[in-house]
């Protein structure tokens, strides 16, 4: 008689290991989703920052002010619309791959679009809680970040509404916040390295001084010295 594998909760390291293996097997799909959704806005942000810097050098304050407002608008769109959309599309794609189902970049993006309203509600609700939590001596913000990390995946995989997705996320994270925190830090650092590398490459290639690229150069210089 074949032995049945014992099912038990996975540690943070095991969860991260399995997640990275799954993501590495389907990296081209995830990269395609991210590129389609984020690159146009990133290119627009770089272009607007270039115009803003040129306007400042020419002391054209009205144009610089308008460019700055547009830049803030793009950053807001990135945080509250594009990021949830990309996360929803990526979650759907990975869940389909996990079940050995074929999924294309277009299908994943389309599915994320169909849930965009709910994802936006989750993004705003969680974002406001994180801001309030960070203002309350940082620790509450970290706790809430760990509690609501699975809200968007719950919306995509379980098809629930924003409020139910946040409640479901709290249930999943209960008693596992330190494990979730370790995974969040790892993913955040990996994303930061990739994002900063893009802007640093733009600065070097085009001779610009984008905000993120300059910060990356300063951090690298301090690390060397």
N, C-alpha and C. Protein backbone atom coordinates (compact mmCIF):
# COMPACT_ATOMS: atom_id res chain seq x y z
N UNK A 1 0.85 -1.20 0.00
CA UNK A 1 0.00 0.00 0.00
C UNK A 1 0.88 1.24 0.00
N UNK A 2 0.57 2.17 -0.88
CA UNK A 2 1.40 3.37 -1.02
C UNK A 2 1.19 4.31 0.17
N UNK A 3 2.30 4.78 0.73
CA UNK A 3 2.23 5.68 1.88
C UNK A 3 1.74 7.05 1.44
N UNK A 4 0.92 7.65 2.27
CA UNK A 4 0.39 8.98 1.99
C UNK A 4 1.28 10.02 2.65
N UNK A 5 1.71 10.99 1.87
CA UNK A 5 2.59 12.03 2.40
C UNK A 5 1.84 12.86 3.44
N UNK A 6 2.48 13.06 4.56
CA UNK A 6 1.88 13.84 5.64
C UNK A 6 1.85 15.31 5.28
N UNK A 7 0.68 15.93 5.42
CA UNK A 7 0.52 17.34 5.12
C UNK A 7 0.72 18.15 6.39
N UNK A 8 1.57 19.17 6.34
CA UNK A 8 1.82 20.00 7.50
C UNK A 8 2.18 21.41 7.04
N UNK A 9 2.02 22.42 7.93
CA UNK A 9 2.33 23.79 7.55
C UNK A 9 3.79 23.93 7.12
N UNK A 10 4.03 24.74 6.09
CA UNK A 10 5.38 24.95 5.60
C UNK A 10 6.02 26.14 6.31
N UNK A 11 7.33 26.06 6.49
CA UNK A 11 8.07 27.17 7.08
C UNK A 11 8.22 28.29 6.06
N UNK A 12 8.68 29.46 6.53
CA UNK A 12 8.87 30.59 5.61
C UNK A 12 9.88 30.25 4.53
N UNK A 13 10.96 29.54 4.92
CA UNK A 13 11.98 29.17 3.95
C UNK A 13 11.45 28.23 2.89
N UNK A 14 10.61 27.27 3.31
CA UNK A 14 10.06 26.30 2.36
C UNK A 14 9.06 26.97 1.41
N UNK A 15 8.25 27.87 1.97
CA UNK A 15 7.30 28.60 1.12
C UNK A 15 8.04 29.42 0.09
N UNK A 16 9.08 30.14 0.54
CA UNK A 16 9.86 30.98 -0.37
C UNK A 16 10.56 30.13 -1.42
N UNK A 17 11.09 28.97 -1.01
CA UNK A 17 11.78 28.08 -1.94
C UNK A 17 10.84 27.59 -3.03
N UNK A 18 9.65 27.14 -2.63
CA UNK A 18 8.68 26.64 -3.61
C UNK A 18 8.19 27.76 -4.53
N UNK A 19 7.99 28.94 -3.93
CA UNK A 19 7.52 30.07 -4.73
C UNK A 19 8.55 30.47 -5.77
N UNK A 20 9.82 30.54 -5.36
CA UNK A 20 10.88 30.93 -6.28
C UNK A 20 11.04 29.90 -7.40
N UNK A 21 10.89 28.62 -7.07
CA UNK A 21 11.00 27.58 -8.10
C UNK A 21 9.86 27.72 -9.12
N UNK A 22 8.65 27.97 -8.62
CA UNK A 22 7.50 28.12 -9.50
C UNK A 22 7.66 29.35 -10.38
N UNK A 23 8.12 30.45 -9.77
CA UNK A 23 8.30 31.68 -10.53
C UNK A 23 9.44 31.54 -11.54
N UNK A 24 10.51 30.83 -11.16
CA UNK A 24 11.64 30.68 -12.07
C UNK A 24 11.28 29.84 -13.29
N UNK A 25 10.38 28.88 -13.12
CA UNK A 25 9.96 28.04 -14.25
C UNK A 25 9.11 28.82 -15.24
N UNK A 26 8.45 29.86 -14.77
CA UNK A 26 7.55 30.62 -15.63
C UNK A 26 7.94 32.10 -15.67
N UNK A 27 9.25 32.36 -15.59
CA UNK A 27 9.73 33.74 -15.51
C UNK A 27 9.38 34.55 -16.75
N UNK A 28 9.39 33.92 -17.93
CA UNK A 28 9.12 34.66 -19.16
C UNK A 28 7.67 35.15 -19.20
N UNK A 29 6.75 34.33 -18.70
CA UNK A 29 5.35 34.72 -18.64
C UNK A 29 5.16 35.90 -17.70
N UNK A 30 5.76 35.82 -16.52
CA UNK A 30 5.63 36.90 -15.53
C UNK A 30 6.33 38.17 -16.01
N UNK A 31 7.48 38.00 -16.66
CA UNK A 31 8.19 39.16 -17.19
C UNK A 31 7.37 39.84 -18.28
N UNK A 32 6.71 39.04 -19.12
CA UNK A 32 5.88 39.61 -20.17
C UNK A 32 4.71 40.40 -19.60
N UNK A 33 4.06 39.86 -18.57
CA UNK A 33 2.95 40.56 -17.93
C UNK A 33 3.43 41.88 -17.34
N UNK A 34 4.55 41.83 -16.63
CA UNK A 34 5.09 43.03 -16.00
C UNK A 34 5.50 44.07 -17.04
N UNK A 35 6.11 43.61 -18.13
CA UNK A 35 6.58 44.53 -19.17
C UNK A 35 5.41 45.23 -19.85
N UNK A 36 4.39 44.47 -20.21
CA UNK A 36 3.23 45.05 -20.91
C UNK A 36 2.54 46.11 -20.06
N UNK A 37 2.44 45.85 -18.76
CA UNK A 37 1.68 46.76 -17.89
C UNK A 37 2.51 47.91 -17.32
N UNK A 38 3.79 47.68 -17.08
CA UNK A 38 4.57 48.70 -16.37
C UNK A 38 5.49 49.54 -17.26
N UNK A 39 6.00 48.95 -18.34
CA UNK A 39 6.97 49.69 -19.15
C UNK A 39 6.41 50.96 -19.79
N UNK A 40 5.18 50.95 -20.35
CA UNK A 40 4.66 52.20 -20.92
C UNK A 40 4.60 53.34 -19.91
N UNK A 41 4.13 53.03 -18.70
CA UNK A 41 4.04 54.07 -17.68
C UNK A 41 5.42 54.50 -17.20
N UNK A 42 6.33 53.54 -17.09
CA UNK A 42 7.70 53.87 -16.68
C UNK A 42 8.37 54.76 -17.71
N UNK A 43 8.16 54.45 -19.00
CA UNK A 43 8.73 55.28 -20.07
C UNK A 43 8.15 56.69 -20.03
N UNK A 44 6.83 56.79 -19.78
CA UNK A 44 6.20 58.10 -19.68
C UNK A 44 6.75 58.88 -18.49
N UNK A 45 6.96 58.19 -17.36
CA UNK A 45 7.50 58.86 -16.17
C UNK A 45 8.91 59.38 -16.42
N UNK A 46 9.72 58.59 -17.11
CA UNK A 46 11.08 59.02 -17.43
C UNK A 46 11.06 60.23 -18.37
N UNK A 47 10.16 60.18 -19.37
CA UNK A 47 10.04 61.31 -20.29
C UNK A 47 9.60 62.59 -19.58
N UNK A 48 8.63 62.47 -18.69
CA UNK A 48 8.14 63.64 -17.95
C UNK A 48 9.21 64.19 -17.02
N UNK A 49 9.97 63.29 -16.38
CA UNK A 49 11.05 63.76 -15.51
C UNK A 49 12.13 64.47 -16.32
N UNK A 50 12.38 64.00 -17.53
CA UNK A 50 13.35 64.66 -18.41
C UNK A 50 12.88 66.08 -18.74
N UNK A 51 11.59 66.21 -19.08
CA UNK A 51 11.02 67.53 -19.38
C UNK A 51 11.08 68.43 -18.15
N UNK A 52 10.79 67.86 -16.98
CA UNK A 52 10.81 68.64 -15.75
C UNK A 52 12.22 69.16 -15.45
N UNK A 53 13.22 68.31 -15.63
CA UNK A 53 14.60 68.73 -15.38
C UNK A 53 15.03 69.82 -16.37
N UNK A 54 14.62 69.66 -17.64
CA UNK A 54 14.96 70.66 -18.65
C UNK A 54 14.29 72.00 -18.33
N UNK A 55 13.03 71.94 -17.89
CA UNK A 55 12.30 73.17 -17.54
C UNK A 55 12.93 73.87 -16.35
N UNK A 56 13.41 73.11 -15.39
CA UNK A 56 14.08 73.70 -14.22
C UNK A 56 15.36 74.39 -14.64
N UNK A 57 16.13 73.75 -15.53
CA UNK A 57 17.37 74.36 -16.00
C UNK A 57 17.10 75.66 -16.75
N UNK A 58 15.99 75.70 -17.49
CA UNK A 58 15.63 76.90 -18.25
C UNK A 58 14.81 77.89 -17.42
N UNK A 59 14.58 77.53 -16.14
CA UNK A 59 13.82 78.37 -15.21
C UNK A 59 12.40 78.63 -15.72
N UNK A 60 11.84 77.64 -16.39
CA UNK A 60 10.46 77.72 -16.85
C UNK A 60 9.58 77.07 -15.78
N UNK A 61 9.21 77.84 -14.78
CA UNK A 61 8.52 77.31 -13.62
C UNK A 61 7.14 76.72 -13.95
N UNK A 62 6.32 77.36 -14.81
CA UNK A 62 5.00 76.77 -15.12
C UNK A 62 5.11 75.37 -15.73
N UNK A 63 6.02 75.19 -16.68
CA UNK A 63 6.20 73.88 -17.32
C UNK A 63 6.73 72.87 -16.31
N UNK A 64 7.68 73.30 -15.48
CA UNK A 64 8.23 72.41 -14.46
C UNK A 64 7.15 71.98 -13.47
N UNK A 65 6.29 72.93 -13.07
CA UNK A 65 5.21 72.60 -12.15
C UNK A 65 4.20 71.64 -12.75
N UNK A 66 3.85 71.87 -14.03
CA UNK A 66 2.92 70.98 -14.72
C UNK A 66 3.51 69.58 -14.86
N UNK A 67 4.79 69.52 -15.21
CA UNK A 67 5.46 68.22 -15.35
C UNK A 67 5.49 67.49 -14.01
N UNK A 68 5.71 68.24 -12.94
CA UNK A 68 5.75 67.63 -11.61
C UNK A 68 4.39 67.05 -11.24
N UNK A 69 3.30 67.76 -11.55
CA UNK A 69 1.96 67.26 -11.26
C UNK A 69 1.66 66.00 -12.08
N UNK A 70 2.07 66.00 -13.35
CA UNK A 70 1.88 64.82 -14.18
C UNK A 70 2.69 63.63 -13.66
N UNK A 71 3.89 63.93 -13.16
CA UNK A 71 4.74 62.89 -12.59
C UNK A 71 4.08 62.25 -11.37
N UNK A 72 3.51 63.09 -10.50
CA UNK A 72 2.80 62.58 -9.33
C UNK A 72 1.59 61.75 -9.73
N UNK A 73 0.90 62.18 -10.80
CA UNK A 73 -0.25 61.42 -11.30
C UNK A 73 0.17 60.04 -11.78
N UNK A 74 1.29 59.98 -12.50
CA UNK A 74 1.78 58.70 -13.00
C UNK A 74 2.20 57.78 -11.85
N UNK A 75 2.83 58.36 -10.83
CA UNK A 75 3.23 57.56 -9.67
C UNK A 75 1.99 56.99 -8.97
N UNK A 76 0.94 57.81 -8.86
CA UNK A 76 -0.31 57.36 -8.24
C UNK A 76 -0.95 56.24 -9.06
N UNK A 77 -0.96 56.40 -10.38
CA UNK A 77 -1.50 55.36 -11.25
C UNK A 77 -0.70 54.06 -11.11
N UNK A 78 0.61 54.22 -11.01
CA UNK A 78 1.47 53.05 -10.86
C UNK A 78 1.14 52.29 -9.57
N UNK A 79 0.97 53.04 -8.48
CA UNK A 79 0.76 52.40 -7.19
C UNK A 79 -0.64 51.84 -6.99
N UNK A 80 -1.66 52.56 -7.47
CA UNK A 80 -3.03 52.18 -7.16
C UNK A 80 -3.77 51.46 -8.29
N UNK A 81 -3.22 51.50 -9.51
CA UNK A 81 -3.89 50.85 -10.64
C UNK A 81 -3.00 49.79 -11.30
N UNK A 82 -1.83 50.22 -11.77
CA UNK A 82 -0.98 49.29 -12.52
C UNK A 82 -0.44 48.17 -11.64
N UNK A 83 0.04 48.52 -10.45
CA UNK A 83 0.59 47.49 -9.56
C UNK A 83 -0.46 46.44 -9.18
N UNK A 84 -1.67 46.85 -8.74
CA UNK A 84 -2.69 45.82 -8.45
C UNK A 84 -3.06 45.00 -9.68
N UNK A 85 -3.15 45.66 -10.82
CA UNK A 85 -3.47 44.96 -12.06
C UNK A 85 -2.41 43.91 -12.38
N UNK A 86 -1.13 44.32 -12.29
CA UNK A 86 -0.04 43.39 -12.57
C UNK A 86 0.00 42.25 -11.56
N UNK A 87 -0.24 42.57 -10.29
CA UNK A 87 -0.23 41.53 -9.26
C UNK A 87 -1.38 40.55 -9.47
N UNK A 88 -2.55 41.09 -9.83
CA UNK A 88 -3.69 40.22 -10.10
C UNK A 88 -3.45 39.32 -11.30
N UNK A 89 -2.90 39.90 -12.37
CA UNK A 89 -2.62 39.11 -13.58
C UNK A 89 -1.57 38.04 -13.30
N UNK A 90 -0.53 38.41 -12.55
CA UNK A 90 0.54 37.45 -12.23
C UNK A 90 0.03 36.33 -11.33
N UNK A 91 -0.82 36.69 -10.36
CA UNK A 91 -1.39 35.68 -9.47
C UNK A 91 -2.23 34.68 -10.25
N UNK A 92 -3.05 35.20 -11.17
CA UNK A 92 -3.88 34.31 -12.00
C UNK A 92 -3.00 33.40 -12.85
N UNK A 93 -1.95 33.98 -13.45
CA UNK A 93 -1.07 33.20 -14.32
C UNK A 93 -0.38 32.09 -13.54
N UNK A 94 0.14 32.41 -12.36
CA UNK A 94 0.84 31.41 -11.56
C UNK A 94 -0.13 30.33 -11.07
N UNK A 95 -1.34 30.73 -10.69
CA UNK A 95 -2.31 29.73 -10.23
C UNK A 95 -2.69 28.77 -11.36
N UNK A 96 -2.80 29.29 -12.57
CA UNK A 96 -3.09 28.42 -13.72
C UNK A 96 -1.92 27.50 -14.03
N UNK A 97 -0.71 28.03 -13.95
CA UNK A 97 0.49 27.21 -14.19
C UNK A 97 0.61 26.12 -13.12
N UNK A 98 0.28 26.46 -11.89
CA UNK A 98 0.35 25.49 -10.80
C UNK A 98 -0.60 24.32 -11.05
N UNK A 99 -1.73 24.62 -11.70
CA UNK A 99 -2.72 23.59 -12.02
C UNK A 99 -2.46 22.95 -13.39
N UNK A 100 -1.28 23.26 -13.98
CA UNK A 100 -0.88 22.71 -15.28
C UNK A 100 -1.85 23.09 -16.40
N UNK A 101 -2.33 24.32 -16.35
CA UNK A 101 -3.20 24.84 -17.41
C UNK A 101 -2.43 25.86 -18.24
N UNK A 102 -2.69 25.86 -19.53
CA UNK A 102 -2.05 26.83 -20.42
C UNK A 102 -2.65 28.22 -20.20
N UNK A 103 -1.80 29.22 -20.14
CA UNK A 103 -2.27 30.59 -19.98
C UNK A 103 -1.32 31.52 -20.73
N UNK A 104 -1.88 32.50 -21.42
CA UNK A 104 -1.07 33.45 -22.16
C UNK A 104 -0.99 34.78 -21.41
N UNK A 105 -0.10 35.64 -21.87
CA UNK A 105 0.04 36.97 -21.26
C UNK A 105 -1.27 37.74 -21.40
N UNK A 106 -1.87 37.67 -22.58
CA UNK A 106 -3.13 38.38 -22.82
C UNK A 106 -4.26 37.89 -21.93
N UNK A 107 -4.35 36.57 -21.76
CA UNK A 107 -5.39 36.02 -20.90
C UNK A 107 -5.22 36.47 -19.45
N UNK A 108 -3.98 36.45 -18.98
CA UNK A 108 -3.71 36.85 -17.60
C UNK A 108 -4.03 38.33 -17.38
N UNK A 109 -3.62 39.17 -18.33
CA UNK A 109 -3.89 40.60 -18.22
C UNK A 109 -5.40 40.86 -18.30
N UNK A 110 -6.07 40.13 -19.19
CA UNK A 110 -7.52 40.29 -19.31
C UNK A 110 -8.25 39.88 -18.04
N UNK A 111 -7.80 38.80 -17.41
CA UNK A 111 -8.44 38.37 -16.16
C UNK A 111 -8.19 39.40 -15.06
N UNK A 112 -6.97 39.94 -15.01
CA UNK A 112 -6.68 40.98 -14.03
C UNK A 112 -7.55 42.21 -14.24
N UNK A 113 -7.78 42.54 -15.52
CA UNK A 113 -8.64 43.69 -15.85
C UNK A 113 -10.08 43.46 -15.37
N UNK A 114 -10.56 42.23 -15.48
CA UNK A 114 -11.93 41.93 -15.06
C UNK A 114 -12.11 42.07 -13.55
N UNK A 115 -11.02 42.01 -12.79
CA UNK A 115 -11.07 42.15 -11.33
C UNK A 115 -10.47 43.48 -10.86
N UNK A 116 -10.21 44.38 -11.81
CA UNK A 116 -9.46 45.59 -11.48
C UNK A 116 -10.18 46.47 -10.46
N UNK A 117 -11.50 46.58 -10.57
CA UNK A 117 -12.24 47.40 -9.61
C UNK A 117 -12.06 46.92 -8.18
N UNK A 118 -12.18 45.61 -7.98
CA UNK A 118 -12.00 45.05 -6.65
C UNK A 118 -10.55 45.17 -6.19
N UNK A 119 -9.61 44.93 -7.11
CA UNK A 119 -8.19 45.07 -6.78
C UNK A 119 -7.85 46.51 -6.39
N UNK A 120 -8.47 47.47 -7.09
CA UNK A 120 -8.26 48.88 -6.76
C UNK A 120 -8.77 49.19 -5.36
N UNK A 121 -9.95 48.67 -5.03
CA UNK A 121 -10.50 48.88 -3.69
C UNK A 121 -9.59 48.31 -2.61
N UNK A 122 -9.05 47.12 -2.87
CA UNK A 122 -8.12 46.51 -1.92
C UNK A 122 -6.86 47.37 -1.79
N UNK A 123 -6.34 47.83 -2.93
CA UNK A 123 -5.12 48.63 -2.93
C UNK A 123 -5.29 49.91 -2.12
N UNK A 124 -6.41 50.60 -2.32
CA UNK A 124 -6.66 51.85 -1.59
C UNK A 124 -6.88 51.57 -0.10
N UNK A 125 -7.69 50.57 0.22
CA UNK A 125 -7.99 50.25 1.61
C UNK A 125 -6.74 49.84 2.38
N UNK A 126 -5.95 48.94 1.78
CA UNK A 126 -4.73 48.50 2.43
C UNK A 126 -3.71 49.63 2.50
N UNK A 127 -3.61 50.42 1.41
CA UNK A 127 -2.67 51.53 1.39
C UNK A 127 -2.94 52.54 2.48
N UNK A 128 -4.20 52.89 2.69
CA UNK A 128 -4.55 53.84 3.74
C UNK A 128 -4.22 53.28 5.12
N UNK A 129 -4.48 51.99 5.32
CA UNK A 129 -4.15 51.37 6.60
C UNK A 129 -2.64 51.36 6.85
N UNK A 130 -1.88 51.11 5.79
CA UNK A 130 -0.43 51.09 5.94
C UNK A 130 0.11 52.48 6.27
N UNK A 131 -0.44 53.51 5.61
CA UNK A 131 0.00 54.87 5.90
C UNK A 131 -0.29 55.24 7.35
N UNK A 132 -1.51 54.92 7.80
CA UNK A 132 -1.87 55.20 9.19
C UNK A 132 -0.98 54.40 10.14
N UNK A 133 -0.76 53.14 9.80
CA UNK A 133 0.07 52.28 10.64
C UNK A 133 1.50 52.77 10.74
N UNK A 134 2.06 53.23 9.61
CA UNK A 134 3.44 53.73 9.62
C UNK A 134 3.56 55.03 10.41
N UNK A 135 2.49 55.82 10.40
CA UNK A 135 2.49 57.05 11.20
C UNK A 135 2.42 56.74 12.69
N UNK A 136 1.85 55.57 13.02
CA UNK A 136 1.75 55.16 14.43
C UNK A 136 3.00 54.36 14.82
N UNK A 137 4.16 54.99 14.65
CA UNK A 137 5.44 54.42 15.08
C UNK A 137 5.83 53.16 14.31
N UNK A 138 5.42 53.06 13.04
CA UNK A 138 5.91 52.08 12.07
C UNK A 138 5.42 50.65 12.33
N UNK A 139 5.53 50.16 13.57
CA UNK A 139 5.22 48.75 13.86
C UNK A 139 3.81 48.35 13.42
N UNK A 140 2.76 49.15 13.74
CA UNK A 140 1.42 48.76 13.26
C UNK A 140 1.35 48.63 11.74
N UNK A 141 2.09 49.49 11.03
CA UNK A 141 2.10 49.40 9.57
C UNK A 141 2.68 48.09 9.08
N UNK A 142 3.75 47.63 9.73
CA UNK A 142 4.36 46.35 9.36
C UNK A 142 3.40 45.20 9.65
N UNK A 143 2.73 45.26 10.80
CA UNK A 143 1.77 44.21 11.17
C UNK A 143 0.64 44.15 10.16
N UNK A 144 0.11 45.31 9.79
CA UNK A 144 -0.99 45.34 8.81
C UNK A 144 -0.52 44.89 7.43
N UNK A 145 0.71 45.24 7.06
CA UNK A 145 1.24 44.79 5.77
C UNK A 145 1.28 43.27 5.71
N UNK A 146 1.70 42.65 6.80
CA UNK A 146 1.74 41.18 6.86
C UNK A 146 0.33 40.59 6.87
N UNK A 147 -0.60 41.28 7.51
CA UNK A 147 -1.97 40.76 7.62
C UNK A 147 -2.70 40.78 6.29
N UNK A 148 -2.42 41.79 5.45
CA UNK A 148 -3.19 41.97 4.22
C UNK A 148 -2.42 41.56 2.97
N UNK A 149 -1.30 40.86 3.13
CA UNK A 149 -0.47 40.51 1.98
C UNK A 149 -1.19 39.59 1.00
N UNK A 150 -2.11 38.77 1.50
CA UNK A 150 -2.81 37.81 0.63
C UNK A 150 -4.17 38.31 0.17
N UNK A 151 -4.47 39.59 0.38
CA UNK A 151 -5.79 40.11 0.01
C UNK A 151 -6.02 40.05 -1.49
N UNK A 152 -5.05 40.51 -2.28
CA UNK A 152 -5.22 40.49 -3.74
C UNK A 152 -5.25 39.08 -4.30
N UNK A 153 -4.34 38.18 -3.87
CA UNK A 153 -4.47 36.79 -4.33
C UNK A 153 -5.82 36.16 -3.97
N UNK A 154 -6.38 36.52 -2.81
CA UNK A 154 -7.69 35.98 -2.43
C UNK A 154 -8.77 36.47 -3.38
N UNK A 155 -8.67 37.73 -3.79
CA UNK A 155 -9.64 38.28 -4.75
C UNK A 155 -9.57 37.54 -6.08
N UNK A 156 -8.35 37.24 -6.53
CA UNK A 156 -8.16 36.58 -7.82
C UNK A 156 -8.53 35.10 -7.75
N UNK A 157 -7.99 34.39 -6.77
CA UNK A 157 -8.14 32.93 -6.73
C UNK A 157 -9.51 32.50 -6.21
N UNK A 158 -9.99 33.19 -5.15
CA UNK A 158 -11.25 32.79 -4.54
C UNK A 158 -12.43 33.60 -5.06
N UNK A 159 -12.16 34.65 -5.85
CA UNK A 159 -13.23 35.43 -6.44
C UNK A 159 -14.05 36.25 -5.46
N UNK A 160 -13.46 36.61 -4.33
CA UNK A 160 -14.21 37.36 -3.32
C UNK A 160 -14.09 38.86 -3.53
N UNK A 161 -14.90 39.62 -2.81
CA UNK A 161 -14.87 41.07 -2.88
C UNK A 161 -13.73 41.61 -2.02
N UNK A 162 -13.53 42.94 -2.10
CA UNK A 162 -12.39 43.55 -1.42
C UNK A 162 -12.41 43.28 0.09
N UNK A 163 -13.55 43.54 0.73
CA UNK A 163 -13.65 43.37 2.18
C UNK A 163 -13.43 41.92 2.58
N UNK A 164 -14.04 41.00 1.81
CA UNK A 164 -13.88 39.58 2.11
C UNK A 164 -12.44 39.11 1.86
N UNK A 165 -11.81 39.68 0.83
CA UNK A 165 -10.43 39.33 0.54
C UNK A 165 -9.49 39.75 1.66
N UNK A 166 -9.74 40.93 2.23
CA UNK A 166 -8.92 41.41 3.34
C UNK A 166 -9.15 40.56 4.59
N UNK A 167 -10.41 40.17 4.82
CA UNK A 167 -10.70 39.30 5.96
C UNK A 167 -10.03 37.94 5.78
N UNK A 168 -10.10 37.41 4.56
CA UNK A 168 -9.48 36.12 4.27
C UNK A 168 -7.97 36.19 4.46
N UNK A 169 -7.37 37.30 4.06
CA UNK A 169 -5.93 37.47 4.21
C UNK A 169 -5.54 37.48 5.69
N UNK A 170 -6.34 38.15 6.51
CA UNK A 170 -6.05 38.16 7.96
C UNK A 170 -6.10 36.75 8.54
N UNK A 171 -7.07 35.97 8.06
CA UNK A 171 -7.20 34.59 8.55
C UNK A 171 -5.97 33.76 8.16
N UNK A 172 -5.51 33.94 6.92
CA UNK A 172 -4.37 33.16 6.45
C UNK A 172 -3.07 33.56 7.15
N UNK A 173 -2.96 34.85 7.49
CA UNK A 173 -1.72 35.35 8.09
C UNK A 173 -1.69 35.18 9.61
N UNK A 174 -2.82 34.87 10.21
CA UNK A 174 -2.90 34.76 11.66
C UNK A 174 -1.94 33.68 12.18
N UNK A 175 -1.07 34.09 13.10
CA UNK A 175 -0.09 33.17 13.66
C UNK A 175 1.12 32.93 12.79
N UNK A 176 1.17 33.58 11.61
CA UNK A 176 2.29 33.37 10.68
C UNK A 176 2.91 34.70 10.24
N UNK A 177 2.71 35.75 11.01
CA UNK A 177 3.13 37.08 10.56
C UNK A 177 4.64 37.20 10.40
N UNK A 178 5.41 36.53 11.26
CA UNK A 178 6.87 36.60 11.12
C UNK A 178 7.32 35.91 9.84
N UNK A 179 6.69 34.80 9.50
CA UNK A 179 7.01 34.11 8.25
C UNK A 179 6.65 34.98 7.06
N UNK A 180 5.47 35.59 7.12
CA UNK A 180 5.03 36.49 6.04
C UNK A 180 5.97 37.68 5.92
N UNK A 181 6.40 38.22 7.07
CA UNK A 181 7.30 39.38 7.07
C UNK A 181 8.62 39.04 6.38
N UNK A 182 9.17 37.85 6.66
CA UNK A 182 10.43 37.44 6.03
C UNK A 182 10.28 37.32 4.52
N UNK A 183 9.15 36.77 4.07
CA UNK A 183 8.91 36.62 2.64
C UNK A 183 8.72 37.99 1.98
N UNK A 184 7.98 38.88 2.66
CA UNK A 184 7.75 40.22 2.13
C UNK A 184 9.06 40.98 1.93
N UNK A 185 9.94 40.91 2.93
CA UNK A 185 11.22 41.60 2.85
C UNK A 185 12.05 41.08 1.68
N UNK A 186 12.06 39.77 1.51
CA UNK A 186 12.84 39.17 0.41
C UNK A 186 12.30 39.61 -0.95
N UNK A 187 10.98 39.53 -1.12
CA UNK A 187 10.37 39.93 -2.39
C UNK A 187 10.57 41.42 -2.64
N UNK A 188 10.43 42.23 -1.59
CA UNK A 188 10.59 43.68 -1.73
C UNK A 188 12.01 44.03 -2.16
N UNK A 189 13.01 43.37 -1.57
CA UNK A 189 14.40 43.65 -1.93
C UNK A 189 14.69 43.24 -3.37
N UNK A 190 14.17 42.09 -3.79
CA UNK A 190 14.38 41.64 -5.17
C UNK A 190 13.73 42.62 -6.15
N UNK A 191 12.52 43.06 -5.85
CA UNK A 191 11.82 44.02 -6.72
C UNK A 191 12.56 45.35 -6.77
N UNK A 192 13.07 45.78 -5.61
CA UNK A 192 13.79 47.05 -5.55
C UNK A 192 15.05 47.02 -6.39
N UNK A 193 15.77 45.90 -6.35
CA UNK A 193 16.99 45.77 -7.14
C UNK A 193 16.68 45.86 -8.63
N UNK A 194 15.64 45.15 -9.07
CA UNK A 194 15.27 45.17 -10.49
C UNK A 194 14.83 46.57 -10.92
N UNK A 195 13.95 47.18 -10.12
CA UNK A 195 13.41 48.50 -10.46
C UNK A 195 14.51 49.56 -10.50
N UNK A 196 15.39 49.53 -9.48
CA UNK A 196 16.47 50.51 -9.43
C UNK A 196 17.46 50.31 -10.57
N UNK A 197 17.68 49.06 -10.97
CA UNK A 197 18.61 48.77 -12.06
C UNK A 197 18.12 49.37 -13.37
N UNK A 198 16.80 49.33 -13.59
CA UNK A 198 16.23 49.89 -14.82
C UNK A 198 16.50 51.39 -14.90
N UNK A 199 16.21 52.11 -13.81
CA UNK A 199 16.40 53.56 -13.82
C UNK A 199 17.88 53.93 -13.85
N UNK A 200 18.73 53.13 -13.20
CA UNK A 200 20.16 53.39 -13.24
C UNK A 200 20.69 53.22 -14.66
N UNK A 201 20.19 52.19 -15.37
CA UNK A 201 20.60 51.97 -16.76
C UNK A 201 20.17 53.13 -17.65
N UNK A 202 18.95 53.64 -17.40
CA UNK A 202 18.46 54.79 -18.17
C UNK A 202 19.36 56.00 -17.94
N UNK A 203 19.75 56.23 -16.69
CA UNK A 203 20.62 57.37 -16.37
C UNK A 203 21.95 57.27 -17.09
N UNK A 204 22.54 56.08 -17.06
CA UNK A 204 23.85 55.88 -17.68
C UNK A 204 23.76 55.99 -19.20
N UNK A 205 22.70 55.40 -19.77
CA UNK A 205 22.55 55.37 -21.23
C UNK A 205 22.20 56.73 -21.81
N UNK A 206 21.24 57.42 -21.18
CA UNK A 206 20.73 58.68 -21.72
C UNK A 206 21.33 59.92 -21.05
N UNK A 207 22.18 59.70 -20.06
CA UNK A 207 22.80 60.83 -19.38
C UNK A 207 21.83 61.64 -18.55
N UNK A 208 20.78 60.99 -18.04
CA UNK A 208 19.79 61.67 -17.21
C UNK A 208 20.15 61.52 -15.74
N UNK A 209 19.39 62.20 -14.91
CA UNK A 209 19.54 62.09 -13.46
C UNK A 209 18.16 61.86 -12.84
N UNK A 210 17.57 60.70 -13.15
CA UNK A 210 16.26 60.40 -12.58
C UNK A 210 16.39 60.24 -11.07
N UNK A 211 15.29 60.49 -10.37
CA UNK A 211 15.32 60.44 -8.91
C UNK A 211 15.77 59.09 -8.40
N UNK A 212 15.16 58.02 -8.92
CA UNK A 212 15.49 56.67 -8.46
C UNK A 212 16.90 56.28 -8.88
N UNK A 213 17.28 56.66 -10.09
CA UNK A 213 18.63 56.35 -10.56
C UNK A 213 19.70 57.03 -9.72
N UNK A 214 19.46 58.29 -9.36
CA UNK A 214 20.41 59.02 -8.52
C UNK A 214 20.52 58.41 -7.14
N UNK A 215 19.37 58.02 -6.57
CA UNK A 215 19.39 57.36 -5.25
C UNK A 215 20.17 56.06 -5.31
N UNK A 216 19.99 55.29 -6.39
CA UNK A 216 20.72 54.03 -6.55
C UNK A 216 22.22 54.27 -6.61
N UNK A 217 22.63 55.30 -7.36
CA UNK A 217 24.05 55.62 -7.49
C UNK A 217 24.64 56.03 -6.14
N UNK A 218 23.89 56.83 -5.38
CA UNK A 218 24.37 57.28 -4.07
C UNK A 218 24.53 56.10 -3.10
N UNK A 219 23.55 55.19 -3.11
CA UNK A 219 23.63 54.02 -2.23
C UNK A 219 24.81 53.14 -2.61
N UNK A 220 25.00 52.95 -3.93
CA UNK A 220 26.12 52.13 -4.40
C UNK A 220 27.46 52.77 -4.03
N UNK A 221 27.55 54.09 -4.15
CA UNK A 221 28.79 54.80 -3.82
C UNK A 221 29.11 54.67 -2.33
N UNK A 222 28.09 54.79 -1.49
CA UNK A 222 28.30 54.64 -0.05
C UNK A 222 28.73 53.23 0.31
N UNK A 223 28.17 52.25 -0.43
CA UNK A 223 28.55 50.86 -0.17
C UNK A 223 30.00 50.60 -0.52
N UNK A 224 30.47 51.21 -1.61
CA UNK A 224 31.86 51.02 -2.04
C UNK A 224 32.83 51.69 -1.08
N UNK A 225 32.47 52.91 -0.64
CA UNK A 225 33.36 53.65 0.26
C UNK A 225 33.23 53.16 1.69
